[in-house]
mmCIF file of all heavy atoms, coordinates in Angstrom:
data_MODEL
# 
_entry.id   MODEL 
# 
loop_
_atom_site.group_PDB 
_atom_site.id 
_atom_site.type_symbol 
_atom_site.label_atom_id 
_atom_site.label_alt_id 
_atom_site.label_comp_id 
_atom_site.label_asym_id 
_atom_site.label_entity_id 
_atom_site.label_seq_id 
_atom_site.pdbx_PDB_ins_code 
_atom_site.Cartn_x 
_atom_site.Cartn_y 
_atom_site.Cartn_z 
_atom_site.occupancy 
_atom_site.B_iso_or_equiv 
_atom_site.pdbx_formal_charge 
_atom_site.auth_seq_id 
_atom_site.auth_comp_id 
_atom_site.auth_asym_id 
_atom_site.auth_atom_id 
_atom_site.pdbx_PDB_model_num 
ATOM 1   N N   . VAL A 1 1  ? 0.837   -1.200 0.011   1.00 0.00 ? 1  VAL A N   1 
ATOM 2   C CA  . VAL A 1 1  ? 0.017   0.008  0.002   1.00 0.00 ? 1  VAL A CA  1 
ATOM 3   C C   . VAL A 1 1  ? 0.865   1.225  -0.003  1.00 0.00 ? 1  VAL A C   1 
ATOM 4   O O   . VAL A 1 1  ? 0.687   2.138  -0.780  1.00 0.00 ? 1  VAL A O   1 
ATOM 5   C CB  . VAL A 1 1  ? -0.915  0.022  1.225   1.00 0.00 ? 1  VAL A CB  1 
ATOM 6   C CG1 . VAL A 1 1  ? -1.572  1.375  1.409   1.00 0.00 ? 1  VAL A CG1 1 
ATOM 7   C CG2 . VAL A 1 1  ? -2.022  -1.045 1.054   1.00 0.00 ? 1  VAL A CG2 1 
ATOM 8   N N   . LEU A 1 2  ? 1.857   1.308  0.899   1.00 0.00 ? 2  LEU A N   1 
ATOM 9   C CA  . LEU A 1 2  ? 2.723   2.468  0.994   1.00 0.00 ? 2  LEU A CA  1 
ATOM 10  C C   . LEU A 1 2  ? 3.537   2.678  -0.331  1.00 0.00 ? 2  LEU A C   1 
ATOM 11  O O   . LEU A 1 2  ? 3.713   3.759  -0.777  1.00 0.00 ? 2  LEU A O   1 
ATOM 12  C CB  . LEU A 1 2  ? 3.665   2.328  2.173   1.00 0.00 ? 2  LEU A CB  1 
ATOM 13  C CG  . LEU A 1 2  ? 2.989   2.322  3.592   1.00 0.00 ? 2  LEU A CG  1 
ATOM 14  C CD1 . LEU A 1 2  ? 4.043   2.114  4.670   1.00 0.00 ? 2  LEU A CD1 1 
ATOM 15  C CD2 . LEU A 1 2  ? 2.238   3.618  3.843   1.00 0.00 ? 2  LEU A CD2 1 
ATOM 16  N N   . ALA A 1 3  ? 3.983   1.550  -0.878  1.00 0.00 ? 3  ALA A N   1 
ATOM 17  C CA  . ALA A 1 3  ? 4.748   1.624  -2.129  1.00 0.00 ? 3  ALA A CA  1 
ATOM 18  C C   . ALA A 1 3  ? 3.836   2.102  -3.243  1.00 0.00 ? 3  ALA A C   1 
ATOM 19  O O   . ALA A 1 3  ? 4.272   2.893  -4.075  1.00 0.00 ? 3  ALA A O   1 
ATOM 20  C CB  . ALA A 1 3  ? 5.320   0.268  -2.469  1.00 0.00 ? 3  ALA A CB  1 
ATOM 21  N N   . ALA A 1 4  ? 2.588   1.614  -3.292  1.00 0.00 ? 4  ALA A N   1 
ATOM 22  C CA  . ALA A 1 4  ? 1.651   2.030  -4.342  1.00 0.00 ? 4  ALA A CA  1 
ATOM 23  C C   . ALA A 1 4  ? 1.348   3.492  -4.312  1.00 0.00 ? 4  ALA A C   1 
ATOM 24  O O   . ALA A 1 4  ? 1.217   4.167  -5.353  1.00 0.00 ? 4  ALA A O   1 
ATOM 25  C CB  . ALA A 1 4  ? 0.412   1.145  -4.285  1.00 0.00 ? 4  ALA A CB  1 
ATOM 26  N N   . ILE A 1 5  ? 1.109   4.047  -3.103  1.00 0.00 ? 5  ILE A N   1 
ATOM 27  C CA  . ILE A 1 5  ? 0.741   5.433  -3.006  1.00 0.00 ? 5  ILE A CA  1 
ATOM 28  C C   . ILE A 1 5  ? 1.935   6.408  -3.169  1.00 0.00 ? 5  ILE A C   1 
ATOM 29  O O   . ILE A 1 5  ? 1.751   7.597  -3.320  1.00 0.00 ? 5  ILE A O   1 
ATOM 30  C CB  . ILE A 1 5  ? -0.058  5.735  -1.710  1.00 0.00 ? 5  ILE A CB  1 
ATOM 31  C CG1 . ILE A 1 5  ? 0.833   5.579  -0.482  1.00 0.00 ? 5  ILE A CG1 1 
ATOM 32  C CG2 . ILE A 1 5  ? -1.289  4.874  -1.624  1.00 0.00 ? 5  ILE A CG2 1 
ATOM 33  C CD1 . ILE A 1 5  ? 0.132   5.905  0.856   1.00 0.00 ? 5  ILE A CD1 1 
ATOM 34  N N   . THR A 1 6  ? 3.176   5.832  -3.051  1.00 0.00 ? 6  THR A N   1 
ATOM 35  C CA  . THR A 1 6  ? 4.313   6.701  -3.333  1.00 0.00 ? 6  THR A CA  1 
ATOM 36  C C   . THR A 1 6  ? 4.779   6.569  -4.819  1.00 0.00 ? 6  THR A C   1 
ATOM 37  O O   . THR A 1 6  ? 5.152   7.523  -5.443  1.00 0.00 ? 6  THR A O   1 
ATOM 38  C CB  . THR A 1 6  ? 5.501   6.291  -2.406  1.00 0.00 ? 6  THR A CB  1 
ATOM 39  O OG1 . THR A 1 6  ? 5.784   4.895  -2.501  1.00 0.00 ? 6  THR A OG1 1 
ATOM 40  C CG2 . THR A 1 6  ? 5.234   6.702  -1.045  1.00 0.00 ? 6  THR A CG2 1 
ATOM 41  N N   . GLU A 1 7  ? 4.654   5.364  -5.405  1.00 0.00 ? 7  GLU A N   1 
ATOM 42  C CA  . GLU A 1 7  ? 5.015   5.170  -6.784  1.00 0.00 ? 7  GLU A CA  1 
ATOM 43  C C   . GLU A 1 7  ? 3.988   5.713  -7.756  1.00 0.00 ? 7  GLU A C   1 
ATOM 44  O O   . GLU A 1 7  ? 4.253   6.212  -8.867  1.00 0.00 ? 7  GLU A O   1 
ATOM 45  C CB  . GLU A 1 7  ? 5.210   3.665  -7.075  1.00 0.00 ? 7  GLU A CB  1 
ATOM 46  C CG  . GLU A 1 7  ? 6.429   3.031  -6.338  1.00 0.00 ? 7  GLU A CG  1 
ATOM 47  C CD  . GLU A 1 7  ? 7.698   3.589  -6.931  1.00 0.00 ? 7  GLU A CD  1 
ATOM 48  O OE1 . GLU A 1 7  ? 7.923   3.550  -8.155  1.00 0.00 ? 7  GLU A OE1 1 
ATOM 49  O OE2 . GLU A 1 7  ? 8.561   4.029  -6.111  1.00 0.00 ? 7  GLU A OE2 1 
ATOM 50  N N   . TYR A 1 8  ? 2.687   5.578  -7.368  1.00 0.00 ? 8  TYR A N   1 
ATOM 51  C CA  . TYR A 1 8  ? 1.582   5.960  -8.251  1.00 0.00 ? 8  TYR A CA  1 
ATOM 52  C C   . TYR A 1 8  ? 0.636   6.820  -7.491  1.00 0.00 ? 8  TYR A C   1 
ATOM 53  O O   . TYR A 1 8  ? -0.521  6.442  -7.202  1.00 0.00 ? 8  TYR A O   1 
ATOM 54  C CB  . TYR A 1 8  ? 0.896   4.772  -8.805  1.00 0.00 ? 8  TYR A CB  1 
ATOM 55  C CG  . TYR A 1 8  ? 1.852   3.785  -9.456  1.00 0.00 ? 8  TYR A CG  1 
ATOM 56  C CD1 . TYR A 1 8  ? 2.234   2.588  -8.803  1.00 0.00 ? 8  TYR A CD1 1 
ATOM 57  C CD2 . TYR A 1 8  ? 2.496   4.078  -10.679 1.00 0.00 ? 8  TYR A CD2 1 
ATOM 58  C CE1 . TYR A 1 8  ? 3.117   1.670  -9.364  1.00 0.00 ? 8  TYR A CE1 1 
ATOM 59  C CE2 . TYR A 1 8  ? 3.413   3.161  -11.258 1.00 0.00 ? 8  TYR A CE2 1 
ATOM 60  C CZ  . TYR A 1 8  ? 3.749   1.998  -10.573 1.00 0.00 ? 8  TYR A CZ  1 
ATOM 61  O OH  . TYR A 1 8  ? 4.642   1.122  -11.116 1.00 0.00 ? 8  TYR A OH  1 
ATOM 62  N N   . PRO A 1 9  ? 1.047   8.005  -7.016  1.00 0.00 ? 9  PRO A N   1 
ATOM 63  C CA  . PRO A 1 9  ? 0.275   8.794  -6.077  1.00 0.00 ? 9  PRO A CA  1 
ATOM 64  C C   . PRO A 1 9  ? -1.043  9.379  -6.621  1.00 0.00 ? 9  PRO A C   1 
ATOM 65  O O   . PRO A 1 9  ? -1.978  9.668  -5.873  1.00 0.00 ? 9  PRO A O   1 
ATOM 66  C CB  . PRO A 1 9  ? 1.208   9.943  -5.707  1.00 0.00 ? 9  PRO A CB  1 
ATOM 67  C CG  . PRO A 1 9  ? 2.126   10.066 -6.867  1.00 0.00 ? 9  PRO A CG  1 
ATOM 68  C CD  . PRO A 1 9  ? 2.283   8.672  -7.401  1.00 0.00 ? 9  PRO A CD  1 
ATOM 69  N N   . ASP A 1 10 ? -1.167  9.499  -7.947  1.00 0.00 ? 10 ASP A N   1 
ATOM 70  C CA  . ASP A 1 10 ? -2.333  10.164 -8.475  1.00 0.00 ? 10 ASP A CA  1 
ATOM 71  C C   . ASP A 1 10 ? -3.526  9.285  -8.790  1.00 0.00 ? 10 ASP A C   1 
ATOM 72  O O   . ASP A 1 10 ? -4.564  9.752  -9.333  1.00 0.00 ? 10 ASP A O   1 
ATOM 73  C CB  . ASP A 1 10 ? -1.940  10.886 -9.797  1.00 0.00 ? 10 ASP A CB  1 
ATOM 74  C CG  . ASP A 1 10 ? -1.318  9.965  -10.804 1.00 0.00 ? 10 ASP A CG  1 
ATOM 75  O OD1 . ASP A 1 10 ? -0.915  8.816  -10.449 1.00 0.00 ? 10 ASP A OD1 1 
ATOM 76  O OD2 . ASP A 1 10 ? -1.244  10.325 -12.015 1.00 0.00 ? 10 ASP A OD2 1 
ATOM 77  N N   . VAL A 1 11 ? -3.461  7.973  -8.430  1.00 0.00 ? 11 VAL A N   1 
ATOM 78  C CA  . VAL A 1 11 ? -4.553  7.058  -8.785  1.00 0.00 ? 11 VAL A CA  1 
ATOM 79  C C   . VAL A 1 11 ? -5.408  6.691  -7.568  1.00 0.00 ? 11 VAL A C   1 
ATOM 80  O O   . VAL A 1 11 ? -6.404  5.981  -7.722  1.00 0.00 ? 11 VAL A O   1 
ATOM 81  C CB  . VAL A 1 11 ? -4.042  5.825  -9.477  1.00 0.00 ? 11 VAL A CB  1 
ATOM 82  C CG1 . VAL A 1 11 ? -3.172  6.155  -10.705 1.00 0.00 ? 11 VAL A CG1 1 
ATOM 83  C CG2 . VAL A 1 11 ? -3.230  4.930  -8.532  1.00 0.00 ? 11 VAL A CG2 1 
ATOM 84  N N   . TRP A 1 12 ? -5.050  7.134  -6.375  1.00 0.00 ? 12 TRP A N   1 
ATOM 85  C CA  . TRP A 1 12 ? -5.721  6.667  -5.155  1.00 0.00 ? 12 TRP A CA  1 
ATOM 86  C C   . TRP A 1 12 ? -6.564  7.749  -4.489  1.00 0.00 ? 12 TRP A C   1 
ATOM 87  O O   . TRP A 1 12 ? -6.042  8.907  -4.306  1.00 0.00 ? 12 TRP A O   1 
ATOM 88  C CB  . TRP A 1 12 ? -4.685  6.110  -4.150  1.00 0.00 ? 12 TRP A CB  1 
ATOM 89  C CG  . TRP A 1 12 ? -3.772  5.107  -4.748  1.00 0.00 ? 12 TRP A CG  1 
ATOM 90  C CD1 . TRP A 1 12 ? -2.470  5.273  -5.154  1.00 0.00 ? 12 TRP A CD1 1 
ATOM 91  C CD2 . TRP A 1 12 ? -4.121  3.749  -5.071  1.00 0.00 ? 12 TRP A CD2 1 
ATOM 92  N NE1 . TRP A 1 12 ? -1.968  4.126  -5.651  1.00 0.00 ? 12 TRP A NE1 1 
ATOM 93  C CE2 . TRP A 1 12 ? -2.954  3.129  -5.625  1.00 0.00 ? 12 TRP A CE2 1 
ATOM 94  C CE3 . TRP A 1 12 ? -5.259  2.975  -4.888  1.00 0.00 ? 12 TRP A CE3 1 
ATOM 95  C CZ2 . TRP A 1 12 ? -2.902  1.801  -6.008  1.00 0.00 ? 12 TRP A CZ2 1 
ATOM 96  C CZ3 . TRP A 1 12 ? -5.224  1.651  -5.332  1.00 0.00 ? 12 TRP A CZ3 1 
ATOM 97  C CH2 . TRP A 1 12 ? -4.083  1.076  -5.881  1.00 0.00 ? 12 TRP A CH2 1 
ATOM 98  N N   . ALA A 1 13 ? -7.755  7.405  -4.062  1.00 0.00 ? 13 ALA A N   1 
ATOM 99  C CA  . ALA A 1 13 ? -8.525  8.351  -3.297  1.00 0.00 ? 13 ALA A CA  1 
ATOM 100 C C   . ALA A 1 13 ? -8.211  8.288  -1.810  1.00 0.00 ? 13 ALA A C   1 
ATOM 101 O O   . ALA A 1 13 ? -8.302  9.300  -1.108  1.00 0.00 ? 13 ALA A O   1 
ATOM 102 C CB  . ALA A 1 13 ? -10.045 8.016  -3.481  1.00 0.00 ? 13 ALA A CB  1 
ATOM 103 N N   . ALA A 1 14 ? -7.755  7.112  -1.334  1.00 0.00 ? 14 ALA A N   1 
ATOM 104 C CA  . ALA A 1 14 ? -7.403  6.947  0.016   1.00 0.00 ? 14 ALA A CA  1 
ATOM 105 C C   . ALA A 1 14 ? -6.616  5.662  0.156   1.00 0.00 ? 14 ALA A C   1 
ATOM 106 O O   . ALA A 1 14 ? -6.623  4.858  -0.779  1.00 0.00 ? 14 ALA A O   1 
ATOM 107 C CB  . ALA A 1 14 ? -8.587  6.889  0.955   1.00 0.00 ? 14 ALA A CB  1 
ATOM 108 N N   . ALA A 1 15 ? -5.981  5.464  1.301   1.00 0.00 ? 15 ALA A N   1 
ATOM 109 C CA  . ALA A 1 15 ? -5.211  4.249  1.578   1.00 0.00 ? 15 ALA A CA  1 
ATOM 110 C C   . ALA A 1 15 ? -5.400  3.803  2.996   1.00 0.00 ? 15 ALA A C   1 
ATOM 111 O O   . ALA A 1 15 ? -5.467  4.643  3.917   1.00 0.00 ? 15 ALA A O   1 
ATOM 112 C CB  . ALA A 1 15 ? -3.749  4.448  1.250   1.00 0.00 ? 15 ALA A CB  1 
ATOM 113 N N   . VAL A 1 16 ? -5.517  2.481  3.208   1.00 0.00 ? 16 VAL A N   1 
ATOM 114 C CA  . VAL A 1 16 ? -5.611  1.895  4.541   1.00 0.00 ? 16 VAL A CA  1 
ATOM 115 C C   . VAL A 1 16 ? -4.545  0.808  4.608   1.00 0.00 ? 16 VAL A C   1 
ATOM 116 O O   . VAL A 1 16 ? -4.527  -0.110 3.842   1.00 0.00 ? 16 VAL A O   1 
ATOM 117 C CB  . VAL A 1 16 ? -7.007  1.251  4.761   1.00 0.00 ? 16 VAL A CB  1 
ATOM 118 C CG1 . VAL A 1 16 ? -7.089  0.591  6.146   1.00 0.00 ? 16 VAL A CG1 1 
ATOM 119 C CG2 . VAL A 1 16 ? -8.095  2.337  4.610   1.00 0.00 ? 16 VAL A CG2 1 
ATOM 120 N N   . GLU A 1 17 ? -3.642  0.935  5.581   1.00 0.00 ? 17 GLU A N   1 
ATOM 121 C CA  . GLU A 1 17 ? -2.608  -0.092 5.741   1.00 0.00 ? 17 GLU A CA  1 
ATOM 122 C C   . GLU A 1 17 ? -2.467  -0.500 7.187   1.00 0.00 ? 17 GLU A C   1 
ATOM 123 O O   . GLU A 1 17 ? -2.586  0.278  8.111   1.00 0.00 ? 17 GLU A O   1 
ATOM 124 C CB  . GLU A 1 17 ? -1.304  0.339  5.129   1.00 0.00 ? 17 GLU A CB  1 
ATOM 125 C CG  . GLU A 1 17 ? -0.499  1.414  5.907   1.00 0.00 ? 17 GLU A CG  1 
ATOM 126 C CD  . GLU A 1 17 ? 0.602   0.804  6.774   1.00 0.00 ? 17 GLU A CD  1 
ATOM 127 O OE1 . GLU A 1 17 ? 0.566   -0.365 7.125   1.00 0.00 ? 17 GLU A OE1 1 
ATOM 128 O OE2 . GLU A 1 17 ? 1.510   1.594  7.091   1.00 0.00 ? 17 GLU A OE2 1 
ATOM 129 N N   . PHE A 1 18 ? -2.223  -1.816 7.370   1.00 0.00 ? 18 PHE A N   1 
ATOM 130 C CA  . PHE A 1 18 ? -2.091  -2.405 8.686   1.00 0.00 ? 18 PHE A CA  1 
ATOM 131 C C   . PHE A 1 18 ? -0.699  -3.017 8.829   1.00 0.00 ? 18 PHE A C   1 
ATOM 132 O O   . PHE A 1 18 ? -0.250  -3.756 7.932   1.00 0.00 ? 18 PHE A O   1 
ATOM 133 C CB  . PHE A 1 18 ? -3.085  -3.576 8.849   1.00 0.00 ? 18 PHE A CB  1 
ATOM 134 C CG  . PHE A 1 18 ? -4.547  -3.217 8.512   1.00 0.00 ? 18 PHE A CG  1 
ATOM 135 C CD1 . PHE A 1 18 ? -4.946  -3.218 7.189   1.00 0.00 ? 18 PHE A CD1 1 
ATOM 136 C CD2 . PHE A 1 18 ? -5.456  -3.001 9.469   1.00 0.00 ? 18 PHE A CD2 1 
ATOM 137 C CE1 . PHE A 1 18 ? -6.280  -2.976 6.872   1.00 0.00 ? 18 PHE A CE1 1 
ATOM 138 C CE2 . PHE A 1 18 ? -6.791  -2.758 9.190   1.00 0.00 ? 18 PHE A CE2 1 
ATOM 139 C CZ  . PHE A 1 18 ? -7.214  -2.729 7.858   1.00 0.00 ? 18 PHE A CZ  1 
ATOM 140 N N   . VAL A 1 19 ? -0.025  -2.721 9.892   1.00 0.00 ? 19 VAL A N   1 
ATOM 141 C CA  . VAL A 1 19 ? 1.300   -3.278 10.296  1.00 0.00 ? 19 VAL A CA  1 
ATOM 142 C C   . VAL A 1 19 ? 2.254   -3.418 9.094   1.00 0.00 ? 19 VAL A C   1 
ATOM 143 O O   . VAL A 1 19 ? 2.890   -4.441 8.931   1.00 0.00 ? 19 VAL A O   1 
ATOM 144 C CB  . VAL A 1 19 ? 1.096   -4.656 10.983  1.00 0.00 ? 19 VAL A CB  1 
ATOM 145 C CG1 . VAL A 1 19 ? 0.339   -4.474 12.272  1.00 0.00 ? 19 VAL A CG1 1 
ATOM 146 C CG2 . VAL A 1 19 ? 0.359   -5.690 10.159  1.00 0.00 ? 19 VAL A CG2 1 
ATOM 147 N N   . GLY A 1 20 ? 2.371   -2.342 8.281   1.00 0.00 ? 20 GLY A N   1 
ATOM 148 C CA  . GLY A 1 20 ? 3.147   -2.393 7.079   1.00 0.00 ? 20 GLY A CA  1 
ATOM 149 C C   . GLY A 1 20 ? 4.583   -1.977 7.325   1.00 0.00 ? 20 GLY A C   1 
ATOM 150 O O   . GLY A 1 20 ? 4.893   -1.274 8.270   1.00 0.00 ? 20 GLY A O   1 
ATOM 151 N N   . ILE A 1 21 ? 5.428   -2.365 6.401   1.00 0.00 ? 21 ILE A N   1 
ATOM 152 C CA  . ILE A 1 21 ? 6.863   -1.986 6.379   1.00 0.00 ? 21 ILE A CA  1 
ATOM 153 C C   . ILE A 1 21 ? 7.027   -0.680 5.652   1.00 0.00 ? 21 ILE A C   1 
ATOM 154 O O   . ILE A 1 21 ? 6.691   -0.588 4.487   1.00 0.00 ? 21 ILE A O   1 
ATOM 155 C CB  . ILE A 1 21 ? 7.727   -3.053 5.697   1.00 0.00 ? 21 ILE A CB  1 
ATOM 156 C CG1 . ILE A 1 21 ? 7.535   -4.425 6.411   1.00 0.00 ? 21 ILE A CG1 1 
ATOM 157 C CG2 . ILE A 1 21 ? 9.196   -2.669 5.689   1.00 0.00 ? 21 ILE A CG2 1 
ATOM 158 C CD1 . ILE A 1 21 ? 8.067   -5.604 5.627   1.00 0.00 ? 21 ILE A CD1 1 
ATOM 159 N N   . ALA A 1 22 ? 7.545   0.316  6.378   1.00 0.00 ? 22 ALA A N   1 
ATOM 160 C CA  . ALA A 1 22 ? 7.849   1.625  5.755   1.00 0.00 ? 22 ALA A CA  1 
ATOM 161 C C   . ALA A 1 22 ? 9.289   1.753  5.286   1.00 0.00 ? 22 ALA A C   1 
ATOM 162 O O   . ALA A 1 22 ? 9.595   2.359  4.261   1.00 0.00 ? 22 ALA A O   1 
ATOM 163 C CB  . ALA A 1 22 ? 7.475   2.756  6.699   1.00 0.00 ? 22 ALA A CB  1 
ATOM 164 N N   . ASP A 1 23 ? 10.203  1.156  6.077   1.00 0.00 ? 23 ASP A N   1 
ATOM 165 C CA  . ASP A 1 23 ? 11.633  1.234  5.812   1.00 0.00 ? 23 ASP A CA  1 
ATOM 166 C C   . ASP A 1 23 ? 12.263  -0.152 6.044   1.00 0.00 ? 23 ASP A C   1 
ATOM 167 O O   . ASP A 1 23 ? 12.299  -0.620 7.145   1.00 0.00 ? 23 ASP A O   1 
ATOM 168 C CB  . ASP A 1 23 ? 12.259  2.305  6.768   1.00 0.00 ? 23 ASP A CB  1 
ATOM 169 C CG  . ASP A 1 23 ? 13.697  2.553  6.498   1.00 0.00 ? 23 ASP A CG  1 
ATOM 170 O OD1 . ASP A 1 23 ? 14.373  1.736  5.919   1.00 0.00 ? 23 ASP A OD1 1 
ATOM 171 O OD2 . ASP A 1 23 ? 14.214  3.631  6.951   1.00 0.00 ? 23 ASP A OD2 1 
ATOM 172 N N   . PHE A 1 24 ? 12.747  -0.743 4.988   1.00 0.00 ? 24 PHE A N   1 
ATOM 173 C CA  . PHE A 1 24 ? 13.262  -2.101 5.126   1.00 0.00 ? 24 PHE A CA  1 
ATOM 174 C C   . PHE A 1 24 ? 14.557  -2.134 5.929   1.00 0.00 ? 24 PHE A C   1 
ATOM 175 O O   . PHE A 1 24 ? 14.865  -3.181 6.513   1.00 0.00 ? 24 PHE A O   1 
ATOM 176 C CB  . PHE A 1 24 ? 13.531  -2.667 3.683   1.00 0.00 ? 24 PHE A CB  1 
ATOM 177 C CG  . PHE A 1 24 ? 12.334  -3.223 3.051   1.00 0.00 ? 24 PHE A CG  1 
ATOM 178 C CD1 . PHE A 1 24 ? 11.612  -2.511 2.126   1.00 0.00 ? 24 PHE A CD1 1 
ATOM 179 C CD2 . PHE A 1 24 ? 11.857  -4.469 3.397   1.00 0.00 ? 24 PHE A CD2 1 
ATOM 180 C CE1 . PHE A 1 24 ? 10.457  -3.032 1.530   1.00 0.00 ? 24 PHE A CE1 1 
ATOM 181 C CE2 . PHE A 1 24 ? 10.705  -5.014 2.806   1.00 0.00 ? 24 PHE A CE2 1 
ATOM 182 C CZ  . PHE A 1 24 ? 10.039  -4.250 1.901   1.00 0.00 ? 24 PHE A CZ  1 
ATOM 183 N N   . GLU A 1 25 ? 15.283  -1.056 6.012   1.00 0.00 ? 25 GLU A N   1 
ATOM 184 C CA  . GLU A 1 25 ? 16.438  -1.056 6.898   1.00 0.00 ? 25 GLU A CA  1 
ATOM 185 C C   . GLU A 1 25 ? 16.062  -1.124 8.351   1.00 0.00 ? 25 GLU A C   1 
ATOM 186 O O   . GLU A 1 25 ? 16.521  -1.988 9.084   1.00 0.00 ? 25 GLU A O   1 
ATOM 187 C CB  . GLU A 1 25 ? 17.253  0.260  6.680   1.00 0.00 ? 25 GLU A CB  1 
ATOM 188 C CG  . GLU A 1 25 ? 18.016  0.321  5.386   1.00 0.00 ? 25 GLU A CG  1 
ATOM 189 C CD  . GLU A 1 25 ? 18.853  1.536  5.238   1.00 0.00 ? 25 GLU A CD  1 
ATOM 190 O OE1 . GLU A 1 25 ? 18.298  2.595  4.862   1.00 0.00 ? 25 GLU A OE1 1 
ATOM 191 O OE2 . GLU A 1 25 ? 20.051  1.504  5.588   1.00 0.00 ? 25 GLU A OE2 1 
# 
């Protein structure tokens, strides 16, 4: 979800993510 809204920001009306990875490091 986080990758999709950063890579393709103009196609989403909203985003809901649970326990997601923001930074792989």
